[in-house]
PDB file of all heavy atoms in Angstrom:
ATOM      1  N   TYR A   1      36.236 -12.637  -5.832  1.00  0.00           N
ATOM      2  CA  TYR A   1      35.631 -12.219  -4.568  1.00  0.00           C
ATOM      3  C   TYR A   1      35.598 -10.699  -4.393  1.00  0.00           C
ATOM      4  O   TYR A   1      34.535 -10.158  -3.930  1.00  0.00           O
ATOM      5  CB  TYR A   1      36.397 -12.888  -3.419  1.00  0.00           C
ATOM      6  CG  TYR A   1      35.866 -12.393  -1.999  1.00  0.00           C
ATOM      7  CD1 TYR A   1      34.714 -12.910  -1.535  1.00  0.00           C
ATOM      8  CD2 TYR A   1      36.635 -11.599  -1.255  1.00  0.00           C
ATOM      9  CE1 TYR A   1      34.296 -12.513  -0.285  1.00  0.00           C
ATOM     10  CE2 TYR A   1      36.197 -11.110  -0.012  1.00  0.00           C
ATOM     11  CZ  TYR A   1      35.005 -11.634   0.477  1.00  0.00           C
ATOM     12  OH  TYR A   1      34.610 -11.256   1.712  1.00  0.00           O
ATOM     13  N   LYS A   2      36.647 -10.016  -4.713  1.00  0.00           N
ATOM     14  CA  LYS A   2      36.598  -8.563  -4.677  1.00  0.00           C
ATOM     15  C   LYS A   2      35.646  -7.907  -5.585  1.00  0.00           C
ATOM     16  O   LYS A   2      34.980  -6.989  -5.162  1.00  0.00           O
ATOM     17  CB  LYS A   2      38.077  -8.069  -4.922  1.00  0.00           C
ATOM     18  CG  LYS A   2      39.072  -8.296  -3.802  1.00  0.00           C
ATOM     19  CD  LYS A   2      40.493  -7.782  -4.211  1.00  0.00           C
ATOM     20  CE  LYS A   2      41.422  -8.216  -3.098  1.00  0.00           C
ATOM     21  NZ  LYS A   2      42.757  -7.829  -3.417  1.00  0.00           N
ATOM     22  N   GLN A   3      35.468  -8.533  -6.801  1.00  0.00           N
ATOM     23  CA  GLN A   3      34.512  -7.959  -7.725  1.00  0.00           C
ATOM     24  C   GLN A   3      33.118  -8.128  -7.198  1.00  0.00           C
ATOM     25  O   GLN A   3      32.193  -7.160  -7.231  1.00  0.00           O
ATOM     26  CB  GLN A   3      34.604  -8.682  -9.109  1.00  0.00           C
ATOM     27  CG  GLN A   3      35.792  -8.211  -9.878  1.00  0.00           C
ATOM     28  CD  GLN A   3      35.972  -8.946 -11.197  1.00  0.00           C
ATOM     29  OE1 GLN A   3      35.225  -9.928 -11.350  1.00  0.00           O
ATOM     30  NE2 GLN A   3      36.865  -8.616 -12.070  1.00  0.00           N
ATOM     31  N   ALA A   4      32.767  -9.257  -6.609  1.00  0.00           N
ATOM     32  CA  ALA A   4      31.447  -9.597  -6.006  1.00  0.00           C
ATOM     33  C   ALA A   4      31.179  -8.628  -4.791  1.00  0.00           C
ATOM     34  O   ALA A   4      30.109  -8.186  -4.648  1.00  0.00           O
ATOM     35  CB  ALA A   4      31.302 -11.104  -5.640  1.00  0.00           C
ATOM     36  N   LYS A   5      32.217  -8.376  -4.071  1.00  0.00           N
ATOM     37  CA  LYS A   5      32.152  -7.549  -2.907  1.00  0.00           C
ATOM     38  C   LYS A   5      31.798  -6.096  -3.376  1.00  0.00           C
ATOM     39  O   LYS A   5      30.916  -5.434  -2.842  1.00  0.00           O
ATOM     40  CB  LYS A   5      33.400  -7.545  -2.081  1.00  0.00           C
ATOM     41  CG  LYS A   5      33.246  -7.152  -0.652  1.00  0.00           C
ATOM     42  CD  LYS A   5      34.547  -7.498   0.097  1.00  0.00           C
ATOM     43  CE  LYS A   5      34.472  -7.037   1.445  1.00  0.00           C
ATOM     44  NZ  LYS A   5      35.764  -7.207   2.182  1.00  0.00           N
ATOM     45  N   ARG A   6      32.483  -5.623  -4.333  1.00  0.00           N
ATOM     46  CA  ARG A   6      32.164  -4.233  -4.948  1.00  0.00           C
ATOM     47  C   ARG A   6      30.831  -4.125  -5.504  1.00  0.00           C
ATOM     48  O   ARG A   6      30.062  -3.173  -5.258  1.00  0.00           O
ATOM     49  CB  ARG A   6      33.249  -3.934  -5.972  1.00  0.00           C
ATOM     50  CG  ARG A   6      34.560  -3.462  -5.462  1.00  0.00           C
ATOM     51  CD  ARG A   6      35.431  -2.846  -6.521  1.00  0.00           C
ATOM     52  NE  ARG A   6      35.710  -3.796  -7.644  1.00  0.00           N
ATOM     53  CZ  ARG A   6      36.920  -4.565  -7.761  1.00  0.00           C
ATOM     54  NH1 ARG A   6      37.721  -4.425  -6.832  1.00  0.00           N
ATOM     55  NH2 ARG A   6      36.936  -5.301  -8.857  1.00  0.00           N
ATOM     56  N   ARG A   7      30.351  -5.212  -6.202  1.00  0.00           N
ATOM     57  CA  ARG A   7      28.995  -5.235  -6.772  1.00  0.00           C
ATOM     58  C   ARG A   7      27.984  -5.199  -5.667  1.00  0.00           C
ATOM     59  O   ARG A   7      26.936  -4.510  -5.689  1.00  0.00           O
ATOM     60  CB  ARG A   7      28.900  -6.483  -7.596  1.00  0.00           C
ATOM     61  CG  ARG A   7      27.788  -6.448  -8.550  1.00  0.00           C
ATOM     62  CD  ARG A   7      27.678  -7.610  -9.528  1.00  0.00           C
ATOM     63  NE  ARG A   7      28.945  -7.926 -10.134  1.00  0.00           N
ATOM     64  CZ  ARG A   7      29.555  -9.146 -10.132  1.00  0.00           C
ATOM     65  NH1 ARG A   7      28.945 -10.186  -9.499  1.00  0.00           N
ATOM     66  NH2 ARG A   7      30.647  -9.395 -10.709  1.00  0.00           N
ATOM     67  N   HIS A   8      28.272  -5.918  -4.565  1.00  0.00           N
ATOM     68  CA  HIS A   8      27.332  -5.963  -3.511  1.00  0.00           C
ATOM     69  C   HIS A   8      27.192  -4.642  -2.821  1.00  0.00           C
ATOM     70  O   HIS A   8      26.057  -4.105  -2.383  1.00  0.00           O
ATOM     71  CB  HIS A   8      27.734  -7.070  -2.482  1.00  0.00           C
ATOM     72  CG  HIS A   8      26.904  -7.088  -1.225  1.00  0.00           C
ATOM     73  ND1 HIS A   8      27.227  -6.454  -0.116  1.00  0.00           N
ATOM     74  CD2 HIS A   8      25.740  -7.723  -1.025  1.00  0.00           C
ATOM     75  CE1 HIS A   8      26.324  -6.666   0.808  1.00  0.00           C
ATOM     76  NE2 HIS A   8      25.375  -7.354   0.353  1.00  0.00           N
ATOM     77  N   ALA A   9      28.373  -3.955  -2.624  1.00  0.00           N
ATOM     78  CA  ALA A   9      28.390  -2.597  -2.033  1.00  0.00           C
ATOM     79  C   ALA A   9      27.594  -1.652  -2.850  1.00  0.00           C
ATOM     80  O   ALA A   9      26.899  -0.764  -2.377  1.00  0.00           O
ATOM     81  CB  ALA A   9      29.822  -2.139  -1.823  1.00  0.00           C
ATOM     82  N   LYS A  10      27.699  -1.752  -4.288  1.00  0.00           N
ATOM     83  CA  LYS A  10      26.995  -0.898  -5.148  1.00  0.00           C
ATOM     84  C   LYS A  10      25.440  -1.130  -4.972  1.00  0.00           C
ATOM     85  O   LYS A  10      24.686  -0.114  -4.794  1.00  0.00           O
ATOM     86  CB  LYS A  10      27.435  -1.171  -6.510  1.00  0.00           C
ATOM     87  CG  LYS A  10      26.868  -0.304  -7.584  1.00  0.00           C
ATOM     88  CD  LYS A  10      27.427  -0.725  -8.973  1.00  0.00           C
ATOM     89  CE  LYS A  10      26.664  -0.047 -10.100  1.00  0.00           C
ATOM     90  NZ  LYS A  10      27.081  -0.519 -11.336  1.00  0.00           N
ATOM     91  N   TYR A  11      25.044  -2.347  -4.965  1.00  0.00           N
ATOM     92  CA  TYR A  11      23.668  -2.586  -4.814  1.00  0.00           C
ATOM     93  C   TYR A  11      23.075  -2.289  -3.414  1.00  0.00           C
ATOM     94  O   TYR A  11      21.946  -1.801  -3.336  1.00  0.00           O
ATOM     95  CB  TYR A  11      23.339  -4.085  -5.083  1.00  0.00           C
ATOM     96  CG  TYR A  11      23.505  -4.461  -6.614  1.00  0.00           C
ATOM     97  CD1 TYR A  11      24.004  -5.745  -6.809  1.00  0.00           C
ATOM     98  CD2 TYR A  11      23.138  -3.749  -7.594  1.00  0.00           C
ATOM     99  CE1 TYR A  11      24.262  -6.079  -8.210  1.00  0.00           C
ATOM    100  CE2 TYR A  11      23.341  -4.037  -8.890  1.00  0.00           C
ATOM    101  CZ  TYR A  11      23.771  -5.323  -9.260  1.00  0.00           C
ATOM    102  OH  TYR A  11      24.020  -5.675 -10.493  1.00  0.00           O
ATOM    103  N   ARG A  12      23.853  -2.403  -2.486  1.00  0.00           N
ATOM    104  CA  ARG A  12      23.474  -2.036  -1.075  1.00  0.00           C
ATOM    105  C   ARG A  12      23.259  -0.528  -0.985  1.00  0.00           C
ATOM    106  O   ARG A  12      22.360  -0.068  -0.326  1.00  0.00           O
ATOM    107  CB  ARG A  12      24.651  -2.413  -0.084  1.00  0.00           C
ATOM    108  CG  ARG A  12      24.311  -2.113   1.360  1.00  0.00           C
ATOM    109  CD  ARG A  12      23.213  -3.090   1.833  1.00  0.00           C
ATOM    110  NE  ARG A  12      22.934  -2.753   3.231  1.00  0.00           N
ATOM    111  CZ  ARG A  12      22.015  -3.347   3.873  1.00  0.00           C
ATOM    112  NH1 ARG A  12      21.326  -4.389   3.429  1.00  0.00           N
ATOM    113  NH2 ARG A  12      21.840  -3.046   5.177  1.00  0.00           N
ATOM    114  N   MET A  13      24.144   0.222  -1.614  1.00  0.00           N
ATOM    115  CA  MET A  13      24.027   1.728  -1.670  1.00  0.00           C
ATOM    116  C   MET A  13      22.740   2.144  -2.394  1.00  0.00           C
ATOM    117  O   MET A  13      22.044   3.038  -1.964  1.00  0.00           O
ATOM    118  CB  MET A  13      25.252   2.408  -2.330  1.00  0.00           C
ATOM    119  CG  MET A  13      25.350   3.832  -2.187  1.00  0.00           C
ATOM    120  SD  MET A  13      26.842   4.537  -2.784  1.00  0.00           S
ATOM    121  CE  MET A  13      26.734   4.270  -4.550  1.00  0.00           C
ATOM    122  N   LYS A  14      22.377   1.462  -3.505  1.00  0.00           N
ATOM    123  CA  LYS A  14      21.160   1.796  -4.255  1.00  0.00           C
ATOM    124  C   LYS A  14      19.964   1.460  -3.311  1.00  0.00           C
ATOM    125  O   LYS A  14      19.052   2.266  -3.254  1.00  0.00           O
ATOM    126  CB  LYS A  14      21.144   0.948  -5.507  1.00  0.00           C
ATOM    127  CG  LYS A  14      21.837   1.455  -6.647  1.00  0.00           C
ATOM    128  CD  LYS A  14      21.546   0.614  -7.967  1.00  0.00           C
ATOM    129  CE  LYS A  14      22.225   1.170  -9.079  1.00  0.00           C
ATOM    130  NZ  LYS A  14      21.928   0.364 -10.312  1.00  0.00           N
ATOM    131  N   TYR A  15      20.039   0.339  -2.694  1.00  0.00           N
ATOM    132  CA  TYR A  15      18.908  -0.085  -1.794  1.00  0.00           C
ATOM    133  C   TYR A  15      18.665   0.953  -0.702  1.00  0.00           C
ATOM    134  O   TYR A  15      17.628   1.363  -0.292  1.00  0.00           O
ATOM    135  CB  TYR A  15      19.125  -1.454  -1.274  1.00  0.00           C
ATOM    136  CG  TYR A  15      18.084  -1.859  -0.205  1.00  0.00           C
ATOM    137  CD1 TYR A  15      16.828  -2.287  -0.660  1.00  0.00           C
ATOM    138  CD2 TYR A  15      18.386  -1.839   1.132  1.00  0.00           C
ATOM    139  CE1 TYR A  15      15.833  -2.693   0.284  1.00  0.00           C
ATOM    140  CE2 TYR A  15      17.456  -2.225   2.032  1.00  0.00           C
ATOM    141  CZ  TYR A  15      16.207  -2.673   1.675  1.00  0.00           C
ATOM    142  OH  TYR A  15      15.235  -3.062   2.497  1.00  0.00           O
ATOM    143  N   ASP A  16      19.879   1.361  -0.073  1.00  0.00           N
ATOM    144  CA  ASP A  16      19.781   2.333   1.106  1.00  0.00           C
ATOM    145  C   ASP A  16      19.232   3.683   0.627  1.00  0.00           C
ATOM    146  O   ASP A  16      18.456   4.333   1.338  1.00  0.00           O
ATOM    147  CB  ASP A  16      21.166   2.509   1.759  1.00  0.00           C
ATOM    148  CG  ASP A  16      21.661   1.300   2.516  1.00  0.00           C
ATOM    149  OD1 ASP A  16      20.726   0.515   2.884  1.00  0.00           O
ATOM    150  OD2 ASP A  16      22.826   1.151   2.831  1.00  0.00           O
ATOM    151  N   ARG A  17      19.504   4.044  -0.599  1.00  0.00           N
ATOM    152  CA  ARG A  17      19.045   5.311  -1.199  1.00  0.00           C
ATOM    153  C   ARG A  17      17.488   5.206  -1.426  1.00  0.00           C
ATOM    154  O   ARG A  17      16.775   6.095  -1.239  1.00  0.00           O
ATOM    155  CB  ARG A  17      19.663   5.680  -2.447  1.00  0.00           C
ATOM    156  CG  ARG A  17      21.033   6.264  -2.228  1.00  0.00           C
ATOM    157  CD  ARG A  17      21.709   6.746  -3.515  1.00  0.00           C
ATOM    158  NE  ARG A  17      23.090   7.161  -3.322  1.00  0.00           N
ATOM    159  CZ  ARG A  17      23.956   7.360  -4.264  1.00  0.00           C
ATOM    160  NH1 ARG A  17      23.690   7.026  -5.476  1.00  0.00           N
ATOM    161  NH2 ARG A  17      25.144   7.887  -4.009  1.00  0.00           N
ATOM    162  N   MET A  18      17.095   3.986  -1.903  1.00  0.00           N
ATOM    163  CA  MET A  18      15.621   3.775  -2.220  1.00  0.00           C
ATOM    164  C   MET A  18      14.835   3.823  -0.984  1.00  0.00           C
ATOM    165  O   MET A  18      13.697   4.129  -0.912  1.00  0.00           O
ATOM    166  CB  MET A  18      15.496   2.472  -3.017  1.00  0.00           C
ATOM    167  CG  MET A  18      15.935   2.596  -4.400  1.00  0.00           C
ATOM    168  SD  MET A  18      16.086   1.079  -5.355  1.00  0.00           S
ATOM    169  CE  MET A  18      14.537   0.374  -5.049  1.00  0.00           C
ATOM    170  N   THR A  19      15.414   3.228   0.193  1.00  0.00           N
ATOM    171  CA  THR A  19      14.625   3.062   1.406  1.00  0.00           C
ATOM    172  C   THR A  19      14.989   4.125   2.393  1.00  0.00           C
ATOM    173  O   THR A  19      14.570   4.102   3.583  1.00  0.00           O
ATOM    174  CB  THR A  19      14.886   1.690   2.025  1.00  0.00           C
ATOM    175  OG1 THR A  19      16.233   1.552   2.233  1.00  0.00           O
ATOM    176  CG2 THR A  19      14.340   0.684   1.022  1.00  0.00           C
ATOM    177  N   GLY A  20      15.774   5.134   2.070  1.00  0.00           N
ATOM    178  CA  GLY A  20      16.160   6.105   2.989  1.00  0.00           C
ATOM    179  C   GLY A  20      15.059   7.080   3.310  1.00  0.00           C
ATOM    180  O   GLY A  20      14.047   7.164   2.636  1.00  0.00           O
ATOM    181  N   PRO A  21      15.272   7.912   4.351  1.00  0.00           N
ATOM    182  CA  PRO A  21      14.116   8.879   4.802  1.00  0.00           C
ATOM    183  C   PRO A  21      13.823   9.908   3.787  1.00  0.00           C
ATOM    184  O   PRO A  21      12.757  10.309   3.603  1.00  0.00           O
ATOM    185  CB  PRO A  21      14.688   9.489   6.076  1.00  0.00           C
ATOM    186  CG  PRO A  21      16.135   9.019   6.258  1.00  0.00           C
ATOM    187  CD  PRO A  21      16.368   7.970   5.268  1.00  0.00           C
ATOM    188  N   THR A  22      14.783  10.355   3.033  1.00  0.00           N
ATOM    189  CA  THR A  22      14.442  11.420   2.047  1.00  0.00           C
ATOM    190  C   THR A  22      13.587  10.891   0.933  1.00  0.00           C
ATOM    191  O   THR A  22      12.661  11.537   0.473  1.00  0.00           O
ATOM    192  CB  THR A  22      15.794  11.993   1.399  1.00  0.00           C
ATOM    193  OG1 THR A  22      16.563  10.916   0.921  1.00  0.00           O
ATOM    194  CG2 THR A  22      16.613  12.670   2.471  1.00  0.00           C
ATOM    195  N   GLU A  23      13.886   9.741   0.510  1.00  0.00           N
ATOM    196  CA  GLU A  23      13.029   9.164  -0.542  1.00  0.00           C
ATOM    197  C   GLU A  23      11.660   8.790  -0.072  1.00  0.00           C
ATOM    198  O   GLU A  23      10.622   9.090  -0.807  1.00  0.00           O
ATOM    199  CB  GLU A  23      13.740   7.836  -1.008  1.00  0.00           C
ATOM    200  CG  GLU A  23      13.252   7.320  -2.368  1.00  0.00           C
ATOM    201  CD  GLU A  23      13.597   8.253  -3.497  1.00  0.00           C
ATOM    202  OE1 GLU A  23      14.623   8.902  -3.444  1.00  0.00           O
ATOM    203  OE2 GLU A  23      12.882   8.221  -4.494  1.00  0.00           O
ATOM    204  N   ILE A  24      11.538   8.329   1.182  1.00  0.00           N
ATOM    205  CA  ILE A  24      10.229   8.041   1.685  1.00  0.00           C
ATOM    206  C   ILE A  24       9.329   9.272   1.927  1.00  0.00           C
ATOM    207  O   ILE A  24       8.146   9.374   1.605  1.00  0.00           O
ATOM    208  CB  ILE A  24      10.388   7.296   3.107  1.00  0.00           C
ATOM    209  CG1 ILE A  24      10.934   5.896   2.798  1.00  0.00           C
ATOM    210  CG2 ILE A  24       9.091   7.251   3.791  1.00  0.00           C
ATOM    211  CD1 ILE A  24      11.241   5.104   4.053  1.00  0.00           C
ATOM    212  N   THR A  25      10.021  10.341   2.358  1.00  0.00           N
ATOM    213  CA  THR A  25       9.259  11.640   2.497  1.00  0.00           C
ATOM    214  C   THR A  25       8.780  12.181   1.189  1.00  0.00           C
ATOM    215  O   THR A  25       7.737  12.781   1.091  1.00  0.00           O
ATOM    216  CB  THR A  25      10.066  12.788   3.339  1.00  0.00           C
ATOM    217  OG1 THR A  25      11.323  12.815   2.678  1.00  0.00           O
ATOM    218  CG2 THR A  25      10.313  12.347   4.709  1.00  0.00           C
ATOM    219  N   LYS A  26       9.641  12.072   0.157  1.00  0.00           N
ATOM    220  CA  LYS A  26       9.229  12.599  -1.142  1.00  0.00           C
ATOM    221  C   LYS A  26       8.015  11.794  -1.656  1.00  0.00           C
ATOM    222  O   LYS A  26       7.079  12.398  -2.241  1.00  0.00           O
ATOM    223  CB  LYS A  26      10.445  12.437  -2.247  1.00  0.00           C
ATOM    224  CG  LYS A  26      11.472  13.428  -2.004  1.00  0.00           C
ATOM    225  CD  LYS A  26      12.574  13.199  -3.124  1.00  0.00           C
ATOM    226  CE  LYS A  26      13.734  14.047  -2.864  1.00  0.00           C
ATOM    227  NZ  LYS A  26      14.862  13.829  -3.881  1.00  0.00           N
ATOM    228  N   LYS A  27       8.015  10.494  -1.509  1.00  0.00           N
ATOM    229  CA  LYS A  27       6.913   9.583  -1.997  1.00  0.00           C
ATOM    230  C   LYS A  27       5.728   9.914  -1.099  1.00  0.00           C
ATOM    231  O   LYS A  27       4.556   9.914  -1.706  1.00  0.00           O
ATOM    232  CB  LYS A  27       7.278   8.206  -1.851  1.00  0.00           C
ATOM    233  CG  LYS A  27       8.281   7.731  -3.003  1.00  0.00           C
ATOM    234  CD  LYS A  27       8.594   6.154  -2.773  1.00  0.00           C
ATOM    235  CE  LYS A  27       9.645   5.791  -3.806  1.00  0.00           C
ATOM    236  NZ  LYS A  27      10.021   4.432  -3.760  1.00  0.00           N
ATOM    237  N   ALA A  28       5.793  10.177   0.219  1.00  0.00           N
ATOM    238  CA  ALA A  28       4.716  10.465   0.993  1.00  0.00           C
ATOM    239  C   ALA A  28       4.043  11.769   0.585  1.00  0.00           C
ATOM    240  O   ALA A  28       2.832  11.960   0.550  1.00  0.00           O
ATOM    241  CB  ALA A  28       5.109  10.500   2.441  1.00  0.00           C
ATOM    242  N   LYS A  29       4.803  12.852   0.240  1.00  0.00           N
ATOM    243  CA  LYS A  29       4.261  14.144  -0.240  1.00  0.00           C
ATOM    244  C   LYS A  29       3.557  13.939  -1.528  1.00  0.00           C
ATOM    245  O   LYS A  29       2.514  14.565  -1.768  1.00  0.00           O
ATOM    246  CB  LYS A  29       5.391  15.143  -0.331  1.00  0.00           C
ATOM    247  CG  LYS A  29       5.851  15.677   1.014  1.00  0.00           C
ATOM    248  CD  LYS A  29       6.958  16.708   0.795  1.00  0.00           C
ATOM    249  CE  LYS A  29       7.368  17.253   2.197  1.00  0.00           C
ATOM    250  NZ  LYS A  29       8.446  18.261   2.034  1.00  0.00           N
ATOM    251  N   LYS A  30       4.066  13.115  -2.426  1.00  0.00           N
ATOM    252  CA  LYS A  30       3.418  12.857  -3.739  1.00  0.00           C
ATOM    253  C   LYS A  30       2.074  12.154  -3.441  1.00  0.00           C
ATOM    254  O   LYS A  30       1.118  12.407  -4.173  1.00  0.00           O
ATOM    255  CB  LYS A  30       4.206  12.037  -4.564  1.00  0.00           C
ATOM    256  CG  LYS A  30       5.425  12.673  -5.194  1.00  0.00           C
ATOM    257  CD  LYS A  30       6.124  11.803  -6.245  1.00  0.00           C
ATOM    258  CE  LYS A  30       7.283  12.474  -6.769  1.00  0.00           C
ATOM    259  NZ  LYS A  30       8.104  11.571  -7.560  1.00  0.00           N
ATOM    260  N   MET A  31       1.938  11.411  -2.417  1.00  0.00           N
ATOM    261  CA  MET A  31       0.706  10.681  -2.224  1.00  0.00           C
ATOM    262  C   MET A  31      -0.259  11.542  -1.328  1.00  0.00           C
ATOM    263  O   MET A  31      -1.425  11.218  -1.120  1.00  0.00           O
ATOM    264  CB  MET A  31       1.027   9.401  -1.342  1.00  0.00           C
ATOM    265  CG  MET A  31       1.789   8.366  -2.232  1.00  0.00           C
ATOM    266  SD  MET A  31       2.311   6.979  -1.270  1.00  0.00           S
ATOM    267  CE  MET A  31       0.886   5.883  -1.367  1.00  0.00           C
ATOM    268  N   GLY A  32       0.153  12.719  -0.882  1.00  0.00           N
ATOM    269  CA  GLY A  32      -0.709  13.612  -0.268  1.00  0.00           C
ATOM    270  C   GLY A  32      -0.601  13.649   1.316  1.00  0.00           C
ATOM    271  O   GLY A  32      -1.447  14.181   1.954  1.00  0.00           O
ATOM    272  N   PHE A  33       0.324  12.968   1.887  1.00  0.00           N
ATOM    273  CA  PHE A  33       0.444  12.977   3.353  1.00  0.00           C
ATOM    274  C   PHE A  33       1.104  14.338   3.703  1.00  0.00           C
ATOM    275  O   PHE A  33       1.749  14.973   3.030  1.00  0.00           O
ATOM    276  CB  PHE A  33       1.403  11.813   3.798  1.00  0.00           C
ATOM    277  CG  PHE A  33       0.765  10.491   3.653  1.00  0.00           C
ATOM    278  CD1 PHE A  33       0.943   9.657   2.602  1.00  0.00           C
ATOM    279  CD2 PHE A  33      -0.023  10.029   4.661  1.00  0.00           C
ATOM    280  CE1 PHE A  33       0.399   8.403   2.520  1.00  0.00           C
ATOM    281  CE2 PHE A  33      -0.637   8.725   4.637  1.00  0.00           C
ATOM    282  CZ  PHE A  33      -0.401   7.978   3.472  1.00  0.00           C
ATOM    283  N   ILE A  34       0.809  14.715   5.081  1.00  0.00           N
ATOM    284  CA  ILE A  34       1.248  15.917   5.601  1.00  0.00           C
ATOM    285  C   ILE A  34       2.243  15.593   6.691  1.00  0.00           C
ATOM    286  O   ILE A  34       2.011  14.719   7.494  1.00  0.00           O
ATOM    287  CB  ILE A  34       0.095  16.836   6.117  1.00  0.00           C
ATOM    288  CG1 ILE A  34      -0.880  17.132   5.068  1.00  0.00           C
ATOM    289  CG2 ILE A  34       0.629  18.125   6.769  1.00  0.00           C
ATOM    290  CD1 ILE A  34      -2.188  17.718   5.565  1.00  0.00           C
TER     291      ILE A  34
END
């Protein structure tokens, strides 16, 4: 259970980084948004 909990926390952190505001603004600038 503790291993699964650590694995879930690791995946949650990756997801939060992928959907965070800094990542979204970087992708928006690459697409040409102002």
